[in-house]
């Protein structure tokens, strides 16, 4: 039986090859994972803006409609840079595990 992991557990602690990575490799993997999280967040934010009018008196008109997608993408990036939702850490740990060739399926002894 598997027990749920505490939310404060560091997802990267179990990644065995993290120490073997060079600083540049780790930074590149972290940036890729953070970019993935930012894209995910932007996609989740996009529906929030679909019903908002761009017409006067408070809307920005055609310009707002044109640039809204860029604004949402930047919001996703900013949320991710500010700590995000924890997805980047999980993606990074999984990328490291995949590169090390280790199984991502926990064995029965790894449940703790």
C-alpha atoms as a PDB file:
ATOM      1  CA  UNK A   1       0.000   0.000   0.000  1.00  0.00           C
ATOM      2  CA  UNK A   2       1.339   3.386  -0.957  1.00  0.00           C
ATOM      3  CA  UNK A   3       1.127   6.306   1.419  1.00  0.00           C
ATOM      4  CA  UNK A   4       0.721   9.851   0.111  1.00  0.00           C
ATOM      5  CA  UNK A   5       3.826  11.990   0.119  1.00  0.00           C
ATOM      6  CA  UNK A   6       3.907  15.026   2.376  1.00  0.00           C
ATOM      7  CA  UNK A   7       3.642  18.279   0.384  1.00  0.00           C
ATOM      8  CA  UNK A   8       6.881  19.566   1.888  1.00  0.00           C
ATOM      9  CA  UNK A   9       8.964  16.707   0.477  1.00  0.00           C
ATOM     10  CA  UNK A  10      11.600  17.938  -1.949  1.00  0.00           C
ATOM     11  CA  UNK A  11      10.972  16.183  -5.265  1.00  0.00           C
ATOM     12  CA  UNK A  12      14.632  16.470  -6.295  1.00  0.00           C
ATOM     13  CA  UNK A  13      16.016  14.772  -3.187  1.00  0.00           C
ATOM     14  CA  UNK A  14      15.458  11.345  -4.707  1.00  0.00           C
ATOM     15  CA  UNK A  15      17.067  12.160  -8.054  1.00  0.00           C
ATOM     16  CA  UNK A  16      20.346  10.215  -7.929  1.00  0.00           C
ATOM     17  CA  UNK A  17      22.096  11.825 -10.871  1.00  0.00           C
ATOM     18  CA  UNK A  18      21.553  15.450  -9.796  1.00  0.00           C
ATOM     19  CA  UNK A  19      25.037  15.569  -8.251  1.00  0.00           C
ATOM     20  CA  UNK A  20      26.534  14.182 -11.476  1.00  0.00           C
ATOM     21  CA  UNK A  21      25.073  17.011 -13.566  1.00  0.00           C
ATOM     22  CA  UNK A  22      27.205  20.001 -14.385  1.00  0.00           C
ATOM     23  CA  UNK A  23      25.925  23.381 -13.302  1.00  0.00           C
ATOM     24  CA  UNK A  24      25.086  24.260 -16.913  1.00  0.00           C
ATOM     25  CA  UNK A  25      23.133  21.023 -17.425  1.00  0.00           C
ATOM     26  CA  UNK A  26      21.181  21.494 -14.214  1.00  0.00           C
ATOM     27  CA  UNK A  27      20.389  25.108 -15.136  1.00  0.00           C
ATOM     28  CA  UNK A  28      19.234  24.047 -18.612  1.00  0.00           C
ATOM     29  CA  UNK A  29      16.994  21.300 -17.203  1.00  0.00           C
ATOM     30  CA  UNK A  30      15.583  23.666 -14.570  1.00  0.00           C
ATOM     31  CA  UNK A  31      14.859  26.320 -17.223  1.00  0.00           C
ATOM     32  CA  UNK A  32      13.132  23.779 -19.473  1.00  0.00           C
ATOM     33  CA  UNK A  33      10.987  22.554 -16.581  1.00  0.00           C
ATOM     34  CA  UNK A  34      10.135  26.128 -15.603  1.00  0.00           C
ATOM     35  CA  UNK A  35       9.204  26.942 -19.227  1.00  0.00           C
ATOM     36  CA  UNK A  36       6.909  23.911 -19.270  1.00  0.00           C
ATOM     37  CA  UNK A  37       5.233  25.058 -16.051  1.00  0.00           C
ATOM     38  CA  UNK A  38       4.823  28.597 -17.443  1.00  0.00           C
ATOM     39  CA  UNK A  39       3.175  27.252 -20.604  1.00  0.00           C
ATOM     40  CA  UNK A  40       0.866  25.055 -18.535  1.00  0.00           C
ATOM     41  CA  UNK A  41      -0.113  27.977 -16.311  1.00  0.00           C
ATOM     42  CA  UNK A  42      -0.766  30.230 -19.321  1.00  0.00           C
ATOM     43  CA  UNK A  43      -3.090  27.590 -20.764  1.00  0.00           C
ATOM     44  CA  UNK A  44      -4.948  27.409 -17.453  1.00  0.00           C
ATOM     45  CA  UNK A  45      -5.256  31.217 -17.268  1.00  0.00           C
ATOM     46  CA  UNK A  46      -6.447  31.678 -20.866  1.00  0.00           C
ATOM     47  CA  UNK A  47     -10.119  30.686 -20.253  1.00  0.00           C
ATOM     48  CA  UNK A  48     -10.375  33.298 -17.490  1.00  0.00           C
ATOM     49  CA  UNK A  49     -10.029  36.042 -20.085  1.00  0.00           C
ATOM     50  CA  UNK A  50     -12.280  34.639 -22.815  1.00  0.00           C
ATOM     51  CA  UNK A  51     -15.460  36.225 -21.483  1.00  0.00           C
ATOM     52  CA  UNK A  52     -13.978  39.658 -20.793  1.00  0.00           C
ATOM     53  CA  UNK A  53     -15.066  42.376 -23.171  1.00  0.00           C
ATOM     54  CA  UNK A  54     -12.491  44.516 -24.936  1.00  0.00           C
ATOM     55  CA  UNK A  55     -15.089  47.182 -25.744  1.00  0.00           C
ATOM     56  CA  UNK A  56     -15.337  50.635 -24.176  1.00  0.00           C
ATOM     57  CA  UNK A  57     -15.511  52.122 -21.612  1.00  0.00           C
ATOM     58  CA  UNK A  58     -13.027  49.890 -19.741  1.00  0.00           C
ATOM     59  CA  UNK A  59     -11.673  47.658 -22.475  1.00  0.00           C
ATOM     60  CA  UNK A  60      -8.649  48.322 -24.626  1.00  0.00           C
ATOM     61  CA  UNK A  61     -10.410  47.637 -27.907  1.00  0.00           C
ATOM     62  CA  UNK A  62      -8.643  45.954 -30.791  1.00  0.00           C
ATOM     63  CA  UNK A  63      -5.194  46.478 -29.252  1.00  0.00           C
ATOM     64  CA  UNK A  64      -6.160  44.607 -26.095  1.00  0.00           C
ATOM     65  CA  UNK A  65      -7.619  41.791 -28.150  1.00  0.00           C
ATOM     66  CA  UNK A  66      -4.395  41.601 -30.179  1.00  0.00           C
ATOM     67  CA  UNK A  67      -1.988  41.625 -27.222  1.00  0.00           C
ATOM     68  CA  UNK A  68      -4.014  39.654 -24.658  1.00  0.00           C
ATOM     69  CA  UNK A  69      -2.364  36.329 -25.566  1.00  0.00           C
ATOM     70  CA  UNK A  70       1.099  37.785 -24.959  1.00  0.00           C
ATOM     71  CA  UNK A  71      -0.034  39.210 -21.626  1.00  0.00           C
ATOM     72  CA  UNK A  72      -1.369  35.815 -20.529  1.00  0.00           C
ATOM     73  CA  UNK A  73       1.890  34.104 -21.551  1.00  0.00           C
ATOM     74  CA  UNK A  74       3.851  36.618 -19.475  1.00  0.00           C
ATOM     75  CA  UNK A  75       1.531  36.057 -16.511  1.00  0.00           C
ATOM     76  CA  UNK A  76       2.283  32.332 -16.720  1.00  0.00           C
ATOM     77  CA  UNK A  77       6.031  33.035 -16.820  1.00  0.00           C
ATOM     78  CA  UNK A  78       5.831  35.386 -13.848  1.00  0.00           C
ATOM     79  CA  UNK A  79       3.829  32.919 -11.760  1.00  0.00           C
ATOM     80  CA  UNK A  80       6.348  30.185 -12.579  1.00  0.00           C
ATOM     81  CA  UNK A  81       9.324  32.442 -11.719  1.00  0.00           C
ATOM     82  CA  UNK A  82       7.650  33.339  -8.416  1.00  0.00           C
ATOM     83  CA  UNK A  83       7.501  29.731  -7.265  1.00  0.00           C
ATOM     84  CA  UNK A  84       4.702  28.454  -9.446  1.00  0.00           C
ATOM     85  CA  UNK A  85       2.589  25.506  -8.408  1.00  0.00           C
ATOM     86  CA  UNK A  86       5.392  22.982  -7.918  1.00  0.00           C
ATOM     87  CA  UNK A  87       5.082  21.466 -11.373  1.00  0.00           C
ATOM     88  CA  UNK A  88       8.559  22.588 -12.487  1.00  0.00           C
ATOM     89  CA  UNK A  89      10.253  20.671  -9.633  1.00  0.00           C
ATOM     90  CA  UNK A  90       8.359  17.503 -10.501  1.00  0.00           C
ATOM     91  CA  UNK A  91       9.122  17.840 -14.218  1.00  0.00           C
ATOM     92  CA  UNK A  92      12.795  18.472 -13.453  1.00  0.00           C
ATOM     93  CA  UNK A  93      13.027  15.408 -11.203  1.00  0.00           C
ATOM     94  CA  UNK A  94      11.373  13.286 -13.883  1.00  0.00           C
ATOM     95  CA  UNK A  95      13.724  14.600 -16.591  1.00  0.00           C
ATOM     96  CA  UNK A  96      16.727  13.712 -14.434  1.00  0.00           C
ATOM     97  CA  UNK A  97      15.344  10.222 -13.740  1.00  0.00           C
ATOM     98  CA  UNK A  98      14.687   9.649 -17.434  1.00  0.00           C
ATOM     99  CA  UNK A  99      18.224  10.694 -18.344  1.00  0.00           C
ATOM    100  CA  UNK A 100      19.704   8.416 -15.697  1.00  0.00           C
ATOM    101  CA  UNK A 101      17.720   5.471 -17.069  1.00  0.00           C
ATOM    102  CA  UNK A 102      15.974   4.728 -13.776  1.00  0.00           C
ATOM    103  CA  UNK A 103      12.427   3.499 -13.518  1.00  0.00           C
ATOM    104  CA  UNK A 104       9.805   6.100 -12.648  1.00  0.00           C
ATOM    105  CA  UNK A 105       7.477   3.508 -11.138  1.00  0.00           C
ATOM    106  CA  UNK A 106       8.090   3.285  -7.377  1.00  0.00           C
ATOM    107  CA  UNK A 107       8.719  -0.157  -5.983  1.00  0.00           C
ATOM    108  CA  UNK A 108       6.894  -1.386  -2.889  1.00  0.00           C
ATOM    109  CA  UNK A 109       9.888  -0.522  -0.695  1.00  0.00           C
ATOM    110  CA  UNK A 110       9.877   3.111  -1.909  1.00  0.00           C
ATOM    111  CA  UNK A 111       6.419   3.905  -0.519  1.00  0.00           C
ATOM    112  CA  UNK A 112       7.770   5.616   2.621  1.00  0.00           C
END
